[in-house]
């Protein structure tokens, strides 16, 4: 049972690192196409963690919820843009959501002893 939990933890951490790296590239490049990669990482994290009775996953659940909710808000904002053009208000909102996600990623990584 413990080995199975460790495999889920490793899978989750792998996606957390993937999300963090993709966000770093997004901040650096401004390439909005990276949201697709972020979406895949977030979905995998959710699949591994959400609803788990595992003690580790329960401990990080509040920060995971921040990631899931803020990413959903990013997608909602992107869907409301006209012709994919992001105005200043949408850009500020997206940056705030990305900041919230980044903060949660750091909290989770710290709790898991990754950093």
C-alpha atoms as a PDB file:
ATOM      1  CA  UNK A   1       0.000   0.000   0.000  1.00  0.00           C
ATOM      2  CA  UNK A   2       2.812   2.399   0.871  1.00  0.00           C
ATOM      3  CA  UNK A   3       4.547   1.736  -2.455  1.00  0.00           C
ATOM      4  CA  UNK A   4       1.324   2.566  -4.316  1.00  0.00           C
ATOM      5  CA  UNK A   5       0.988   5.830  -2.349  1.00  0.00           C
ATOM      6  CA  UNK A   6       4.601   6.702  -3.168  1.00  0.00           C
ATOM      7  CA  UNK A   7       3.929   6.129  -6.867  1.00  0.00           C
ATOM      8  CA  UNK A   8       0.987   8.540  -6.695  1.00  0.00           C
ATOM      9  CA  UNK A   9       3.147  11.068  -4.836  1.00  0.00           C
ATOM     10  CA  UNK A  10       5.884  10.797  -7.467  1.00  0.00           C
ATOM     11  CA  UNK A  11       3.351  11.163 -10.289  1.00  0.00           C
ATOM     12  CA  UNK A  12       1.879  14.232  -8.589  1.00  0.00           C
ATOM     13  CA  UNK A  13       5.297  15.808  -7.954  1.00  0.00           C
ATOM     14  CA  UNK A  14       6.290  15.159 -11.562  1.00  0.00           C
ATOM     15  CA  UNK A  15       3.256  17.125 -12.732  1.00  0.00           C
ATOM     16  CA  UNK A  16       3.894  19.847 -10.150  1.00  0.00           C
ATOM     17  CA  UNK A  17       7.410  20.292 -11.542  1.00  0.00           C
ATOM     18  CA  UNK A  18       5.995  20.246 -15.084  1.00  0.00           C
ATOM     19  CA  UNK A  19       3.473  22.947 -14.139  1.00  0.00           C
ATOM     20  CA  UNK A  20       6.145  25.065 -12.484  1.00  0.00           C
ATOM     21  CA  UNK A  21       8.488  24.795 -15.461  1.00  0.00           C
ATOM     22  CA  UNK A  22       5.715  25.646 -17.900  1.00  0.00           C
ATOM     23  CA  UNK A  23       4.713  28.671 -15.825  1.00  0.00           C
ATOM     24  CA  UNK A  24       8.326  29.857 -15.744  1.00  0.00           C
ATOM     25  CA  UNK A  25       8.472  29.578 -19.536  1.00  0.00           C
ATOM     26  CA  UNK A  26       5.122  31.391 -19.838  1.00  0.00           C
ATOM     27  CA  UNK A  27       6.356  34.273 -17.671  1.00  0.00           C
ATOM     28  CA  UNK A  28       9.573  34.445 -19.677  1.00  0.00           C
ATOM     29  CA  UNK A  29       8.123  34.152 -23.170  1.00  0.00           C
ATOM     30  CA  UNK A  30       4.523  35.332 -22.868  1.00  0.00           C
ATOM     31  CA  UNK A  31       3.558  32.405 -25.123  1.00  0.00           C
ATOM     32  CA  UNK A  32      -0.112  31.809 -24.325  1.00  0.00           C
ATOM     33  CA  UNK A  33      -0.049  28.465 -26.111  1.00  0.00           C
ATOM     34  CA  UNK A  34       1.676  27.131 -22.993  1.00  0.00           C
ATOM     35  CA  UNK A  35      -1.701  27.182 -21.230  1.00  0.00           C
ATOM     36  CA  UNK A  36      -2.438  23.881 -22.997  1.00  0.00           C
ATOM     37  CA  UNK A  37       0.617  22.306 -21.376  1.00  0.00           C
ATOM     38  CA  UNK A  38      -0.362  23.790 -18.027  1.00  0.00           C
ATOM     39  CA  UNK A  39      -3.870  22.388 -18.451  1.00  0.00           C
ATOM     40  CA  UNK A  40      -2.503  18.870 -18.997  1.00  0.00           C
ATOM     41  CA  UNK A  41      -0.301  19.130 -15.894  1.00  0.00           C
ATOM     42  CA  UNK A  42      -3.154  20.462 -13.738  1.00  0.00           C
ATOM     43  CA  UNK A  43      -5.504  17.698 -14.924  1.00  0.00           C
ATOM     44  CA  UNK A  44      -2.925  15.025 -14.053  1.00  0.00           C
ATOM     45  CA  UNK A  45      -2.323  16.583 -10.639  1.00  0.00           C
ATOM     46  CA  UNK A  46      -6.061  16.631 -10.010  1.00  0.00           C
ATOM     47  CA  UNK A  47      -6.394  13.010 -11.077  1.00  0.00           C
ATOM     48  CA  UNK A  48      -3.662  11.918  -8.664  1.00  0.00           C
ATOM     49  CA  UNK A  49      -4.671  14.046  -5.686  1.00  0.00           C
ATOM     50  CA  UNK A  50      -8.344  15.004  -5.664  1.00  0.00           C
ATOM     51  CA  UNK A  51     -10.490  13.069  -3.209  1.00  0.00           C
ATOM     52  CA  UNK A  52      -7.587  10.970  -1.973  1.00  0.00           C
ATOM     53  CA  UNK A  53      -7.633   9.769   1.612  1.00  0.00           C
ATOM     54  CA  UNK A  54      -3.828   9.757   1.602  1.00  0.00           C
ATOM     55  CA  UNK A  55      -2.472  11.839   4.490  1.00  0.00           C
ATOM     56  CA  UNK A  56       0.024  13.701   2.294  1.00  0.00           C
ATOM     57  CA  UNK A  57      -2.577  14.570  -0.328  1.00  0.00           C
ATOM     58  CA  UNK A  58      -5.013  15.734   2.332  1.00  0.00           C
ATOM     59  CA  UNK A  59      -2.313  18.012   3.791  1.00  0.00           C
ATOM     60  CA  UNK A  60      -1.741  19.758   0.466  1.00  0.00           C
ATOM     61  CA  UNK A  61      -5.408  19.860  -0.535  1.00  0.00           C
ATOM     62  CA  UNK A  62      -5.970  23.567   0.289  1.00  0.00           C
ATOM     63  CA  UNK A  63      -3.093  24.637  -1.947  1.00  0.00           C
ATOM     64  CA  UNK A  64      -4.190  22.196  -4.658  1.00  0.00           C
ATOM     65  CA  UNK A  65      -7.633  23.784  -4.594  1.00  0.00           C
ATOM     66  CA  UNK A  66      -5.989  27.186  -5.125  1.00  0.00           C
ATOM     67  CA  UNK A  67      -4.262  25.793  -8.216  1.00  0.00           C
ATOM     68  CA  UNK A  68      -7.389  24.134  -9.617  1.00  0.00           C
ATOM     69  CA  UNK A  69      -9.688  27.107  -8.973  1.00  0.00           C
ATOM     70  CA  UNK A  70      -7.280  29.741 -10.272  1.00  0.00           C
ATOM     71  CA  UNK A  71      -6.502  27.735 -13.394  1.00  0.00           C
ATOM     72  CA  UNK A  72     -10.242  27.388 -14.046  1.00  0.00           C
ATOM     73  CA  UNK A  73     -10.526  31.167 -13.706  1.00  0.00           C
ATOM     74  CA  UNK A  74      -7.701  31.682 -16.217  1.00  0.00           C
ATOM     75  CA  UNK A  75      -9.531  29.504 -18.720  1.00  0.00           C
ATOM     76  CA  UNK A  76     -12.781  31.402 -18.052  1.00  0.00           C
ATOM     77  CA  UNK A  77     -11.037  34.732 -18.702  1.00  0.00           C
ATOM     78  CA  UNK A  78      -9.412  33.422 -21.885  1.00  0.00           C
ATOM     79  CA  UNK A  79     -12.796  32.231 -23.159  1.00  0.00           C
ATOM     80  CA  UNK A  80     -14.280  35.707 -22.720  1.00  0.00           C
ATOM     81  CA  UNK A  81     -11.682  37.470 -24.839  1.00  0.00           C
ATOM     82  CA  UNK A  82     -12.701  38.628 -28.278  1.00  0.00           C
ATOM     83  CA  UNK A  83     -10.799  36.898 -31.063  1.00  0.00           C
ATOM     84  CA  UNK A  84      -8.169  35.771 -28.553  1.00  0.00           C
ATOM     85  CA  UNK A  85      -7.100  39.361 -27.878  1.00  0.00           C
ATOM     86  CA  UNK A  86      -6.258  39.857 -24.226  1.00  0.00           C
ATOM     87  CA  UNK A  87      -6.952  43.384 -23.062  1.00  0.00           C
ATOM     88  CA  UNK A  88      -5.252  45.011 -20.072  1.00  0.00           C
ATOM     89  CA  UNK A  89      -7.980  43.978 -17.609  1.00  0.00           C
ATOM     90  CA  UNK A  90      -7.821  40.340 -18.697  1.00  0.00           C
ATOM     91  CA  UNK A  91      -4.017  40.417 -18.574  1.00  0.00           C
ATOM     92  CA  UNK A  92      -4.080  41.728 -14.992  1.00  0.00           C
ATOM     93  CA  UNK A  93      -6.579  39.051 -13.959  1.00  0.00           C
ATOM     94  CA  UNK A  94      -4.564  36.281 -15.598  1.00  0.00           C
ATOM     95  CA  UNK A  95      -1.364  37.525 -13.963  1.00  0.00           C
ATOM     96  CA  UNK A  96      -3.070  37.536 -10.550  1.00  0.00           C
ATOM     97  CA  UNK A  97      -4.342  33.974 -11.065  1.00  0.00           C
ATOM     98  CA  UNK A  98      -0.877  32.872 -12.208  1.00  0.00           C
ATOM     99  CA  UNK A  99       0.647  34.492  -9.122  1.00  0.00           C
ATOM    100  CA  UNK A 100      -1.825  32.622  -6.892  1.00  0.00           C
ATOM    101  CA  UNK A 101      -0.952  29.340  -8.633  1.00  0.00           C
ATOM    102  CA  UNK A 102       2.765  30.015  -8.317  1.00  0.00           C
ATOM    103  CA  UNK A 103       2.399  30.694  -4.602  1.00  0.00           C
ATOM    104  CA  UNK A 104       0.449  27.453  -4.126  1.00  0.00           C
ATOM    105  CA  UNK A 105       3.061  25.487  -6.097  1.00  0.00           C
ATOM    106  CA  UNK A 106       5.793  26.824  -3.811  1.00  0.00           C
ATOM    107  CA  UNK A 107       3.725  25.972  -0.716  1.00  0.00           C
ATOM    108  CA  UNK A 108       3.119  22.415  -1.941  1.00  0.00           C
ATOM    109  CA  UNK A 109       6.756  21.908  -2.921  1.00  0.00           C
ATOM    110  CA  UNK A 110       7.800  23.126   0.517  1.00  0.00           C
ATOM    111  CA  UNK A 111       5.310  20.855   2.315  1.00  0.00           C
ATOM    112  CA  UNK A 112       6.492  17.872   0.267  1.00  0.00           C
ATOM    113  CA  UNK A 113      10.145  18.672   0.911  1.00  0.00           C
ATOM    114  CA  UNK A 114      10.903  19.244  -2.773  1.00  0.00           C
ATOM    115  CA  UNK A 115      12.396  22.677  -2.012  1.00  0.00           C
END
